[in-house]
Amino acid sequence: MRKQKAIAVFTTQIVWMAMILSSTVAIAQTGPASAVPVPLPPMGWSSWNSFSNAVDSQIIMDQAKAMVTAGMHKAGYQYINIDEGWWLGKRNADGTFIVDEKAWPALKQGERAGDMANIVRFIHGLGLKAGIYTDAGSNGCSMFPDLGPVYMNVGSEGYYEQDFEQFARWGFDYVKVDWCGGDKENLDPAVQYAEIARAIARAEKITGHSLYFSIYNWGKNSPWTWAPHVGGVAADIWRTSGDIVDPIVASGKNSARKASFDKMLGNFDQGIHPEAQHTGFYNDPDMMVVGMPGFSDTQDRAHFSLWAMSGAPLLVGADLTKLSPETLATLTNPAVLAIDQDALGLQAVKVSEPEKGLQVWAKPLSANGTRAVLLLNRTGTSANVTVSLKELGLGDSAMAKDLWSGKDLGAVQGSYASQVPPSDTVLLLITGTEFPAATYRPNNKFDAHSCRACELTFSHVAANAPWARGRIVYTNPDKQSRFAELRVNGQIPTRIAFPPTGAQPGEVSVMSLLDQPGSANVLRFAPDHSSAEVNEPPAIQSISMQ
């Protein structure tokens, strides 16, 4: 879903229900509202971890075929992303890419060698989607010799409109925009990625073909604070940290490298920004190292559990042609995939840490009264970890299930405890009864057309726990999303997408940090100023509350 329009702000009432786990607040109206579908985090494969920039047509075809024959596509994986190395940095006089015809030959009669549309057609022919790479600067990461052949001038700086239009015309569905060149030039990522977002919107308008936008600046300048709806259009995912591992190319000088479990945990930590992950926007803690050298099957499952709880993009970095049956079983476990791909599109939060290194993480799910719960043991010894139903926002009794074994654990009274091995996790689905919702009304009304700086305010909002899930009820009669900024207790605002609802009210969810005591929390909605264009605000209708 492409999010192309700005919103001024609401003219009448809006509904806000904040509820996490152990707290619930809301802004009330009358009448029913249904949850509005939002884009889910992408699932696929990227060439970088296993092939560095030594990538060609044959490698990509082999990986695409393996995704299908291994059953990964059936499980939900769809993107085959060609990372750096597809282009060697040379352009024609008019600025058009010059692509190596030997590396990217014609694949069938009538095709032209060196035309990247050939590999796109092959990928699409398998029912998959195709991704491509560039950099926001003039160079990419190939300028660093440790990572394979040295290629210069493989970035898109100075050619944004031309390059992204070409990607769309070739038929690519996804574009990763790296930051090696931009970082070396000391560019401002918020400025550069806004320009790129506008170039993508232009390319989509000209070609009629959508490009999923991946910002890859490793968390520099805190992209979760500016990347949602950057440039008045959209960024779909953004990196929150450095790479988990440098490329491990089996036949090259990097073949002895191994992935680090501690580095993976560090990326997980750096990727937790729940306030920014909502309505189709996602924090990206990097492509996974599941199935790569250095990780055991147990560590693979723990890694995959953490990414699922994060609601992270599930991009595999391992060579798909060499995955073991155990690794495939991990990557295609339907119960764990369902946690990552839950319809709310939210991220887990840490609800307790009873002892240092022993943590409880919980993620609200779309099914009423359900939580995905992760018991994480970061220590070097086995330990008992307990989660209480109260801190999950559930009543005194619930049902629990182990998502990896598929075993029903029966009724839970008050709390659940499990022995967790060192550097390992236990992943649970807990289903119970939600705490009742509190309701709130806006303090004011205003006409967004006459007051772009105005805010719609909700004060005296109470919470029983710091993090809260908010259910915002609205109507948007347009064919495209509208946007608004939400600021909670003076924190950095987040831009929220409001997908079309037609004439009926709809509901989207966000996570907010309600860190003021008692009923001292204040929520403010304001116009989204990332675009000069101001459109009609959504008409607010009646709502039915839990």
Protein backbone atom coordinates (compact mmCIF):
# COMPACT_ATOMS: atom_id res chain seq x y z
CA MET A 1 0.00 0.00 0.00
CA ARG A 2 1.56 3.34 -1.00
CA LYS A 3 0.97 6.13 1.43
CA GLN A 4 0.93 9.30 -0.66
CA LYS A 5 -1.23 11.98 1.00
CA ALA A 6 -0.77 14.18 4.05
CA ILE A 7 -3.50 14.80 6.61
CA ALA A 8 -4.28 17.99 8.42
CA VAL A 9 -5.92 16.57 11.57
CA PHE A 10 -9.33 15.53 12.71
CA THR A 11 -12.21 18.04 12.82
CA THR A 12 -14.45 16.31 15.31
CA GLN A 13 -13.95 13.55 17.78
CA ILE A 14 -11.31 10.81 17.55
CA VAL A 15 -11.18 7.67 19.56
CA TRP A 16 -8.05 6.62 21.39
CA MET A 17 -7.88 3.48 23.46
CA ALA A 18 -4.51 2.82 25.01
CA MET A 19 -4.07 -0.65 26.28
CA ILE A 20 -1.06 -2.71 26.83
CA LEU A 21 -0.87 -5.84 28.54
CA SER A 22 -1.83 -4.42 31.98
CA SER A 23 -3.34 -1.03 31.07
CA THR A 24 -6.17 0.21 28.84
CA VAL A 25 -7.30 3.71 27.93
CA ALA A 26 -9.53 4.97 25.10
CA ILE A 27 -11.21 7.91 23.47
CA ALA A 28 -14.85 6.97 23.13
CA GLN A 29 -17.66 7.41 20.64
CA THR A 30 -20.62 5.32 19.66
CA GLY A 31 -21.03 2.80 16.86
CA PRO A 32 -18.92 -0.09 15.55
CA ALA A 33 -15.45 0.11 14.00
CA SER A 34 -13.41 -2.68 12.47
CA ALA A 35 -9.64 -3.09 12.35
CA VAL A 36 -8.20 -1.78 9.09
CA PRO A 37 -5.64 -4.06 7.37
CA VAL A 38 -2.12 -2.63 7.27
CA PRO A 39 0.88 -3.81 5.21
CA LEU A 40 2.79 -6.57 7.00
CA PRO A 41 6.60 -6.84 7.30
CA PRO A 42 8.25 -8.30 4.19
CA MET A 43 9.53 -11.88 4.02
CA GLY A 44 12.23 -12.93 1.61
CA TRP A 45 15.94 -13.40 0.93
CA SER A 46 18.89 -11.06 0.31
CA SER A 47 22.16 -11.90 -1.45
CA TRP A 48 24.54 -9.86 0.73
CA ASN A 49 25.34 -12.14 3.68
CA SER A 50 26.29 -15.14 1.56
CA PHE A 51 27.55 -13.63 -1.70
CA SER A 52 28.78 -10.11 -0.87
CA ASN A 53 28.97 -8.14 -4.13
CA ALA A 54 30.00 -11.13 -6.26
CA VAL A 55 26.45 -11.74 -7.45
CA ASP A 56 25.14 -12.67 -10.89
CA SER A 57 22.11 -13.99 -12.73
CA GLN A 58 22.84 -17.67 -12.06
CA ILE A 59 23.11 -17.13 -8.30
CA ILE A 60 19.81 -15.28 -8.22
CA MET A 61 18.01 -17.91 -10.31
CA ASP A 62 19.31 -20.69 -8.06
CA GLN A 63 18.13 -18.87 -4.92
CA ALA A 64 14.72 -18.11 -6.41
CA LYS A 65 14.18 -21.73 -7.42
CA ALA A 66 15.31 -22.92 -3.98
CA MET A 67 12.81 -20.61 -2.27
CA VAL A 68 10.01 -22.30 -4.18
CA THR A 69 11.18 -25.93 -4.06
CA ALA A 70 12.02 -25.74 -0.34
CA GLY A 71 8.47 -24.65 0.48
CA MET A 72 9.50 -21.19 1.70
CA HIS A 73 7.31 -19.37 -0.81
CA LYS A 74 4.33 -21.42 0.29
CA ALA A 75 5.11 -20.39 3.89
CA GLY A 76 4.97 -16.71 2.94
CA TYR A 77 8.44 -15.72 1.72
CA GLN A 78 8.26 -13.78 -1.52
CA TYR A 79 11.14 -11.35 -2.11
CA ILE A 80 14.38 -12.26 -3.89
CA ASN A 81 16.54 -9.20 -3.25
CA ILE A 82 19.63 -8.57 -5.37
CA ASP A 83 22.10 -6.66 -3.22
CA GLU A 84 25.24 -4.79 -4.23
CA GLY A 85 27.35 -6.11 -7.11
CA TRP A 86 24.64 -6.25 -9.78
CA TRP A 87 26.09 -3.08 -11.35
CA LEU A 88 29.74 -2.04 -11.61
CA GLY A 89 29.31 1.73 -11.51
CA LYS A 90 29.41 2.73 -15.17
CA ARG A 91 26.75 4.80 -16.97
CA ASN A 92 26.02 5.82 -20.54
CA ALA A 93 26.30 9.45 -21.59
CA ASP A 94 22.65 9.96 -20.65
CA GLY A 95 23.21 8.49 -17.18
CA THR A 96 21.65 5.08 -17.89
CA PHE A 97 23.08 2.07 -16.04
CA ILE A 98 25.58 -0.08 -17.97
CA VAL A 99 25.08 -3.69 -16.78
CA ASP A 100 27.58 -6.50 -17.41
CA GLU A 101 26.05 -8.63 -20.17
CA LYS A 102 27.98 -11.75 -19.14
CA ALA A 103 26.79 -11.57 -15.53
CA TRP A 104 23.21 -10.77 -16.56
CA PRO A 105 22.61 -12.52 -19.91
CA ALA A 106 19.42 -12.98 -21.86
CA LEU A 107 17.48 -15.85 -20.30
CA LYS A 108 15.27 -16.66 -23.24
CA GLN A 109 14.88 -15.81 -26.89
CA GLY A 110 14.01 -12.21 -27.61
CA GLU A 111 15.65 -10.79 -24.49
CA ARG A 112 18.62 -8.40 -24.52
CA ALA A 113 21.73 -9.24 -22.48
CA GLY A 114 22.45 -6.72 -19.75
CA ASP A 115 18.76 -5.91 -19.26
CA MET A 116 17.81 -6.39 -15.58
CA ALA A 117 14.20 -6.88 -16.65
CA ASN A 118 15.28 -10.40 -17.67
CA ILE A 119 15.95 -11.55 -14.11
CA VAL A 120 12.84 -9.76 -12.89
CA ARG A 121 10.71 -11.73 -15.36
CA PHE A 122 12.34 -14.96 -14.20
CA ILE A 123 11.64 -14.18 -10.53
CA HIS A 124 8.09 -13.09 -11.27
CA GLY A 125 7.59 -16.25 -13.32
CA LEU A 126 8.09 -18.28 -10.14
CA GLY A 127 5.41 -16.27 -8.35
CA LEU A 128 8.00 -14.27 -6.38
CA LYS A 129 8.87 -10.57 -6.13
CA ALA A 130 12.19 -8.97 -7.05
CA GLY A 131 14.32 -6.51 -5.09
CA ILE A 132 17.27 -4.31 -6.14
CA TYR A 133 20.01 -2.28 -4.41
CA THR A 134 21.47 1.21 -4.55
CA ASP A 135 23.08 3.74 -2.21
CA ALA A 136 21.95 7.23 -1.24
CA GLY A 137 25.47 8.54 -1.93
CA SER A 138 27.64 8.43 -5.02
CA ASN A 139 29.31 5.20 -3.85
CA GLY A 140 28.10 2.04 -2.16
CA CYS A 141 29.66 -0.40 0.28
CA SER A 142 31.76 -1.97 -2.50
CA MET A 143 34.33 0.77 -1.98
CA PHE A 144 35.54 -1.20 1.05
CA PRO A 145 37.88 -3.95 -0.23
CA ASP A 146 37.19 -6.34 2.66
CA LEU A 147 33.77 -7.08 1.22
CA GLY A 148 34.78 -8.45 -2.18
CA PRO A 149 35.64 -6.71 -5.48
CA VAL A 150 36.05 -2.94 -5.28
CA TYR A 151 33.43 -1.09 -7.33
CA MET A 152 33.11 2.69 -7.24
CA ASN A 153 30.27 5.04 -8.24
CA VAL A 154 27.54 2.47 -7.65
CA GLY A 155 25.29 4.90 -5.74
CA SER A 156 22.38 6.96 -7.04
CA GLU A 157 23.27 10.43 -5.77
CA GLY A 158 22.56 12.90 -8.57
CA TYR A 159 20.41 10.34 -10.40
CA TYR A 160 17.57 9.69 -7.95
CA GLU A 161 14.68 10.33 -10.32
CA GLN A 162 16.32 8.53 -13.23
CA ASP A 163 17.42 5.47 -11.24
CA PHE A 164 14.20 4.81 -9.37
CA GLU A 165 12.17 5.24 -12.51
CA GLN A 166 14.45 2.67 -14.16
CA PHE A 167 14.00 0.24 -11.25
CA ALA A 168 10.24 0.55 -11.63
CA ARG A 169 10.39 0.14 -15.42
CA TRP A 170 12.49 -3.00 -15.02
CA GLY A 171 9.68 -4.29 -12.80
CA PHE A 172 11.46 -4.46 -9.44
CA ASP A 173 9.12 -4.51 -6.46
CA TYR A 174 11.52 -3.59 -3.65
CA VAL A 175 14.52 -1.28 -3.37
CA LYS A 176 17.15 -1.24 -0.63
CA VAL A 177 18.88 2.12 -0.32
CA ASP A 178 22.19 1.81 1.56
CA TRP A 179 24.21 4.49 3.33
CA CYS A 180 27.92 3.73 2.80
CA GLY A 181 28.30 6.51 0.24
CA GLY A 182 26.02 8.88 2.10
CA ASP A 183 27.92 8.27 5.33
CA LYS A 184 31.31 8.88 3.70
CA GLU A 185 30.05 12.17 2.28
CA ASN A 186 28.57 13.17 5.67
CA LEU A 187 25.13 13.69 4.14
CA ASP A 188 22.01 14.20 6.23
CA PRO A 189 20.02 10.93 6.04
CA ALA A 190 16.66 12.56 6.72
CA VAL A 191 17.23 14.96 3.82
CA GLN A 192 18.58 12.38 1.38
CA TYR A 193 15.97 9.72 2.09
CA ALA A 194 13.20 12.32 1.78
CA GLU A 195 14.51 13.15 -1.71
CA ILE A 196 14.61 9.44 -2.52
CA ALA A 197 11.08 8.95 -1.24
CA ARG A 198 9.86 11.69 -3.56
CA ALA A 199 11.77 10.11 -6.46
CA ILE A 200 10.10 6.77 -5.69
CA ALA A 201 6.66 8.42 -5.61
CA ARG A 202 7.42 10.04 -8.96
CA ALA A 203 8.55 6.72 -10.46
CA GLU A 204 5.41 5.00 -9.22
CA LYS A 205 3.20 7.71 -10.70
CA ILE A 206 4.94 7.53 -14.09
CA THR A 207 5.13 3.75 -14.36
CA GLY A 208 2.16 2.62 -12.30
CA HIS A 209 4.47 0.15 -10.53
CA SER A 210 5.03 0.21 -6.73
CA LEU A 211 8.44 0.03 -5.05
CA TYR A 212 8.73 -1.17 -1.45
CA PHE A 213 11.20 1.26 0.18
CA SER A 214 13.91 -0.01 2.56
CA ILE A 215 16.02 2.67 4.29
CA TYR A 216 19.39 1.15 5.17
CA ASN A 217 21.32 3.75 7.15
CA TRP A 218 22.07 1.47 10.16
CA GLY A 219 20.12 3.54 12.69
CA LYS A 220 22.19 6.71 12.24
CA ASN A 221 20.29 9.88 13.19
CA SER A 222 17.53 7.70 14.68
CA PRO A 223 15.45 6.95 11.57
CA TRP A 224 12.52 5.72 13.65
CA THR A 225 11.94 9.40 14.54
CA TRP A 226 11.74 10.64 10.93
CA ALA A 227 11.46 7.70 8.53
CA PRO A 228 7.68 7.02 8.79
CA HIS A 229 6.16 8.98 5.90
CA VAL A 230 9.52 10.62 5.17
CA GLY A 231 9.37 13.28 2.47
CA GLY A 232 5.59 13.35 2.57
CA VAL A 233 5.35 9.96 0.90
CA ALA A 234 6.53 6.82 2.65
CA ALA A 235 9.35 4.71 3.97
CA ASP A 236 8.21 1.21 4.67
CA ILE A 237 11.13 -0.16 6.75
CA TRP A 238 14.31 1.32 8.17
CA ARG A 239 17.46 -0.22 9.61
CA THR A 240 18.05 0.38 13.30
CA SER A 241 21.64 -0.87 13.73
CA GLY A 242 24.75 -2.12 11.97
CA ASP A 243 25.07 -5.51 10.29
CA ILE A 244 24.85 -8.63 12.44
CA VAL A 245 27.67 -10.15 10.42
CA ASP A 246 29.92 -9.15 7.54
CA PRO A 247 29.46 -11.34 4.46
CA ILE A 248 30.48 -14.97 4.89
CA VAL A 249 31.36 -16.07 1.37
CA ALA A 250 32.04 -19.81 1.42
CA SER A 251 34.75 -19.82 -1.24
CA GLY A 252 36.42 -16.50 -0.42
CA LYS A 253 38.71 -14.95 2.15
CA ASN A 254 35.75 -14.40 4.48
CA SER A 255 34.83 -18.09 4.66
CA ALA A 256 36.10 -18.42 8.25
CA ARG A 257 33.75 -15.75 9.58
CA LYS A 258 30.95 -16.81 11.90
CA ALA A 259 27.80 -15.12 13.09
CA SER A 260 27.74 -14.00 16.74
CA PHE A 261 24.80 -14.72 19.03
CA ASP A 262 25.68 -11.70 21.20
CA LYS A 263 25.78 -9.44 18.14
CA MET A 264 22.38 -10.74 17.12
CA LEU A 265 21.04 -9.92 20.60
CA GLY A 266 22.52 -6.44 20.31
CA ASN A 267 20.71 -5.86 17.02
CA PHE A 268 17.47 -7.04 18.60
CA ASP A 269 17.90 -4.51 21.43
CA GLN A 270 18.68 -1.66 19.05
CA GLY A 271 15.62 -2.49 16.96
CA ILE A 272 13.07 -1.98 19.73
CA HIS A 273 11.21 1.27 19.06
CA PRO A 274 7.55 0.29 19.52
CA GLU A 275 6.23 3.84 19.28
CA ALA A 276 7.36 4.03 15.62
CA GLN A 277 6.21 0.59 14.48
CA HIS A 278 2.59 0.70 13.40
CA THR A 279 0.25 1.06 10.42
CA GLY A 280 2.70 -0.55 7.97
CA PHE A 281 5.99 1.02 9.18
CA TYR A 282 8.66 -1.35 10.59
CA ASN A 283 11.95 -1.27 12.47
CA ASP A 284 14.51 -3.47 10.70
CA PRO A 285 17.22 -5.05 12.92
CA ASP A 286 18.99 -6.47 9.81
CA MET A 287 18.61 -9.55 7.65
CA MET A 288 18.71 -12.77 9.64
CA VAL A 289 21.70 -15.07 10.10
CA VAL A 290 19.54 -18.16 10.68
CA GLY A 291 21.30 -21.09 9.00
CA MET A 292 24.67 -19.36 8.74
CA PRO A 293 28.01 -20.55 10.22
CA GLY A 294 28.30 -19.91 13.94
CA PHE A 295 24.71 -20.66 14.93
CA SER A 296 23.33 -23.95 16.23
CA ASP A 297 19.77 -25.09 15.54
CA THR A 298 18.82 -23.95 19.06
CA GLN A 299 20.31 -20.52 18.48
CA ASP A 300 18.53 -20.29 15.13
CA ARG A 301 15.20 -20.85 16.86
CA ALA A 302 16.00 -18.23 19.52
CA HIS A 303 17.05 -15.75 16.81
CA PHE A 304 13.89 -16.39 14.81
CA SER A 305 11.75 -16.02 17.95
CA LEU A 306 13.27 -12.61 18.68
CA TRP A 307 12.67 -11.38 15.11
CA ALA A 308 9.07 -12.64 15.22
CA MET A 309 8.45 -10.81 18.50
CA SER A 310 9.96 -7.68 16.97
CA GLY A 311 7.56 -7.88 14.06
CA ALA A 312 10.73 -7.50 12.00
CA PRO A 313 11.18 -8.00 8.26
CA LEU A 314 12.11 -11.67 7.82
CA LEU A 315 14.89 -11.52 5.24
CA VAL A 316 17.08 -14.62 5.11
CA GLY A 317 20.79 -14.09 4.51
CA ALA A 318 21.86 -17.73 4.28
CA ASP A 319 22.36 -19.60 0.99
CA LEU A 320 18.93 -21.11 0.33
CA THR A 321 20.40 -23.96 -1.69
CA LYS A 322 22.28 -25.23 1.39
CA LEU A 323 19.71 -24.98 4.17
CA SER A 324 19.41 -28.04 6.39
CA PRO A 325 16.00 -29.62 7.07
CA GLU A 326 16.22 -28.27 10.63
CA THR A 327 16.85 -24.72 9.41
CA LEU A 328 14.00 -24.94 6.92
CA ALA A 329 11.70 -26.16 9.67
CA THR A 330 12.67 -23.15 11.77
CA LEU A 331 12.16 -20.64 8.97
CA THR A 332 8.76 -22.07 7.98
CA ASN A 333 7.22 -22.76 11.39
CA PRO A 334 3.66 -21.48 10.84
CA ALA A 335 2.92 -20.63 14.47
CA VAL A 336 6.05 -18.48 14.81
CA LEU A 337 5.56 -16.85 11.41
CA ALA A 338 2.06 -15.89 12.52
CA ILE A 339 3.52 -13.90 15.41
CA ASP A 340 5.72 -11.87 13.06
CA GLN A 341 2.93 -11.47 10.50
CA ASP A 342 0.17 -10.57 12.97
CA ALA A 343 -2.38 -8.22 11.45
CA LEU A 344 -1.81 -5.41 13.99
CA GLY A 345 1.77 -4.88 12.78
CA LEU A 346 2.99 -3.97 16.28
CA GLN A 347 6.23 -4.66 18.16
CA ALA A 348 6.85 -6.43 21.46
CA VAL A 349 7.83 -4.54 24.60
CA LYS A 350 9.75 -5.70 27.66
CA VAL A 351 7.22 -6.02 30.48
CA SER A 352 9.58 -7.22 33.20
CA GLU A 353 13.12 -8.22 34.07
CA PRO A 354 12.89 -9.98 37.46
CA GLU A 355 16.66 -10.54 37.50
CA LYS A 356 19.40 -9.10 35.35
CA GLY A 357 19.46 -10.97 32.05
CA LEU A 358 16.12 -12.71 32.65
CA GLN A 359 13.50 -10.90 30.63
CA VAL A 360 9.82 -11.18 29.72
CA TRP A 361 8.72 -9.69 26.38
CA ALA A 362 5.11 -9.46 25.26
CA LYS A 363 3.44 -8.57 21.97
CA PRO A 364 -0.29 -7.78 21.66
CA LEU A 365 -1.93 -9.74 18.86
CA SER A 366 -5.01 -9.15 16.74
CA ALA A 367 -7.07 -11.94 18.30
CA ASN A 368 -8.80 -10.58 21.38
CA GLY A 369 -7.10 -11.54 24.63
CA THR A 370 -4.00 -13.05 23.01
CA ARG A 371 -0.34 -12.25 23.67
CA ALA A 372 2.85 -13.64 22.23
CA VAL A 373 5.22 -13.96 25.17
CA LEU A 374 8.98 -14.50 25.05
CA LEU A 375 10.97 -15.64 28.07
CA LEU A 376 14.59 -14.68 27.37
CA ASN A 377 17.60 -15.90 29.33
CA ARG A 378 20.67 -13.82 28.47
CA THR A 379 22.80 -15.36 31.22
CA GLY A 380 25.26 -18.25 31.10
CA THR A 381 23.24 -20.59 33.34
CA SER A 382 19.79 -22.14 33.17
CA ALA A 383 17.18 -20.13 35.06
CA ASN A 384 13.51 -20.08 35.93
CA VAL A 385 11.60 -17.17 34.32
CA THR A 386 8.09 -16.23 35.38
CA VAL A 387 5.45 -14.11 33.64
CA SER A 388 2.34 -12.92 35.45
CA LEU A 389 -0.99 -12.60 33.68
CA LYS A 390 -1.53 -9.21 35.30
CA GLU A 391 1.52 -7.71 33.60
CA LEU A 392 0.10 -9.02 30.31
CA GLY A 393 -3.15 -7.13 30.87
CA LEU A 394 -5.11 -10.35 31.25
CA GLY A 395 -7.41 -11.72 33.93
CA ASP A 396 -6.43 -14.29 36.56
CA SER A 397 -6.86 -17.34 34.30
CA ALA A 398 -5.57 -18.06 30.80
CA MET A 399 -4.43 -20.83 28.46
CA ALA A 400 -0.82 -21.25 27.34
CA LYS A 401 0.84 -22.95 24.37
CA ASP A 402 4.50 -23.56 23.47
CA LEU A 403 4.83 -22.30 19.90
CA TRP A 404 7.92 -24.31 18.93
CA SER A 405 6.76 -27.69 20.18
CA GLY A 406 3.09 -26.97 19.49
CA LYS A 407 2.28 -28.38 22.92
CA ASP A 408 -0.74 -27.05 24.80
CA LEU A 409 0.43 -26.20 28.31
CA GLY A 410 -3.07 -26.05 29.78
CA ALA A 411 -4.63 -23.53 32.14
CA VAL A 412 -2.52 -20.84 33.78
CA GLN A 413 -3.60 -19.37 37.11
CA GLY A 414 -2.03 -16.03 37.94
CA SER A 415 1.36 -16.69 36.36
CA TYR A 416 3.41 -19.08 34.27
CA ALA A 417 7.00 -20.16 34.92
CA SER A 418 9.44 -22.05 32.73
CA GLN A 419 13.05 -23.17 32.97
CA VAL A 420 14.97 -21.42 30.20
CA PRO A 421 18.40 -22.72 29.14
CA PRO A 422 21.34 -20.27 28.95
CA SER A 423 21.32 -17.95 25.91
CA ASP A 424 17.94 -19.30 24.90
CA THR A 425 14.24 -18.47 24.79
CA VAL A 426 10.81 -19.94 25.41
CA LEU A 427 8.11 -18.67 23.04
CA LEU A 428 4.50 -18.83 24.23
CA LEU A 429 1.01 -17.95 23.08
CA ILE A 430 -1.14 -16.94 26.05
CA THR A 431 -4.89 -16.44 25.62
CA GLY A 432 -7.10 -14.98 28.32
CA THR A 433 -9.55 -12.20 29.10
CA GLU A 434 -8.68 -8.56 28.44
CA PHE A 435 -8.85 -6.00 31.22
CA PRO A 436 -11.80 -3.61 30.73
CA ALA A 437 -11.16 -0.52 28.62
CA ALA A 438 -11.29 3.02 29.98
CA THR A 439 -12.65 5.70 27.66
CA TYR A 440 -11.66 9.30 26.93
CA ARG A 441 -12.95 12.15 24.80
CA PRO A 442 -10.97 14.94 23.11
CA ASN A 443 -10.71 18.23 24.95
CA ASN A 444 -11.28 20.34 21.87
CA LYS A 445 -12.46 20.62 18.28
CA PHE A 446 -10.95 22.63 15.46
CA ASP A 447 -11.02 23.23 11.73
CA ALA A 448 -7.74 21.93 10.32
CA HIS A 449 -8.09 24.13 7.20
CA SER A 450 -7.82 27.32 9.22
CA CYS A 451 -5.25 26.13 11.73
CA ARG A 452 -2.35 23.99 10.53
CA ALA A 453 -0.57 24.40 13.86
CA CYS A 454 -3.56 23.27 15.92
CA GLU A 455 -3.63 20.04 17.90
CA LEU A 456 -6.40 17.74 19.03
CA THR A 457 -5.69 17.02 22.69
CA PHE A 458 -6.64 14.22 25.07
CA SER A 459 -5.65 14.86 28.67
CA HIS A 460 -6.06 13.06 32.01
CA VAL A 461 -5.28 9.70 30.38
CA ALA A 462 -4.51 7.02 32.96
CA ALA A 463 -2.34 3.94 32.55
CA ASN A 464 -1.38 1.07 34.82
CA ALA A 465 1.81 0.27 32.93
CA PRO A 466 4.29 2.41 30.98
CA TRP A 467 3.59 0.99 27.52
CA ALA A 468 0.07 1.13 26.13
CA ARG A 469 -1.64 -0.08 22.99
CA GLY A 470 -3.83 2.58 21.42
CA ARG A 471 -6.79 1.85 19.11
CA ILE A 472 -7.55 4.92 17.05
CA VAL A 473 -10.96 5.00 15.37
CA TYR A 474 -11.46 7.18 12.31
CA THR A 475 -12.89 7.31 8.81
CA ASN A 476 -10.96 8.05 5.64
CA PRO A 477 -13.13 8.13 2.49
CA ASP A 478 -10.12 8.58 0.15
CA LYS A 479 -8.53 5.84 -1.94
CA GLN A 480 -5.14 6.48 -0.29
CA SER A 481 -3.87 6.75 3.26
CA ARG A 482 -3.93 10.00 5.17
CA PHE A 483 -1.42 10.83 7.89
CA ALA A 484 -1.20 12.61 11.24
CA GLU A 485 1.39 13.02 13.97
CA LEU A 486 0.86 11.70 17.48
CA ARG A 487 2.85 13.15 20.37
CA VAL A 488 2.56 11.57 23.82
CA ASN A 489 3.64 13.52 26.92
CA GLY A 490 5.91 15.77 24.87
CA GLN A 491 7.90 12.88 23.42
CA ILE A 492 9.16 12.82 19.83
CA PRO A 493 6.08 12.46 17.60
CA THR A 494 5.38 9.56 15.28
CA ARG A 495 3.55 9.82 11.96
CA ILE A 496 0.59 7.46 11.69
CA ALA A 497 -0.93 6.17 8.47
CA PHE A 498 -4.73 6.07 8.28
CA PRO A 499 -5.67 3.71 5.43
CA PRO A 500 -8.94 4.15 3.54
CA THR A 501 -12.11 3.04 5.31
CA GLY A 502 -14.83 4.18 2.92
CA ALA A 503 -17.82 5.66 4.68
CA GLN A 504 -17.54 3.32 7.66
CA PRO A 505 -15.28 3.85 10.70
CA GLY A 506 -12.05 1.91 10.94
CA GLU A 507 -9.46 1.25 13.60
CA VAL A 508 -5.66 1.18 13.65
CA SER A 509 -3.35 0.38 16.57
CA VAL A 510 -0.20 2.01 17.88
CA MET A 511 2.03 1.58 20.93
CA SER A 512 2.72 4.58 23.18
CA LEU A 513 4.80 5.20 26.26
CA LEU A 514 2.42 6.58 28.90
CA ASP A 515 5.11 7.45 31.44
CA GLN A 516 3.29 9.99 33.61
CA PRO A 517 1.76 8.87 36.93
CA GLY A 518 -1.96 8.33 37.36
CA SER A 519 -4.08 10.25 34.90
CA ALA A 520 -1.43 12.83 34.01
CA ASN A 521 -0.76 11.55 30.47
CA VAL A 522 -1.53 13.84 27.52
CA LEU A 523 -1.96 12.70 23.90
CA ARG A 524 -1.86 15.23 21.07
CA PHE A 525 -2.69 14.69 17.38
CA ALA A 526 -1.38 17.28 14.93
CA PRO A 527 -1.20 17.78 11.16
CA ASP A 528 1.58 15.95 9.34
CA HIS A 529 3.87 18.68 8.02
CA SER A 530 6.15 16.33 6.05
CA SER A 531 4.31 17.44 2.90
CA ALA A 532 3.17 20.87 1.75
CA GLU A 533 -0.06 19.29 0.54
CA VAL A 534 -2.98 19.42 2.96
CA ASN A 535 -6.05 17.28 2.32
CA GLU A 536 -9.46 16.88 3.88
CA PRO A 537 -9.27 15.33 7.36
CA PRO A 538 -11.16 12.09 7.94
CA ALA A 539 -14.72 12.41 9.17
CA ILE A 540 -15.00 10.84 12.60
CA GLN A 541 -17.97 8.52 13.05
CA SER A 542 -19.43 6.59 15.97
CA ILE A 543 -17.47 3.75 17.54
CA SER A 544 -18.12 0.62 19.49
CA MET A 545 -15.74 0.06 22.40
CA GLN A 546 -14.54 -3.17 23.96
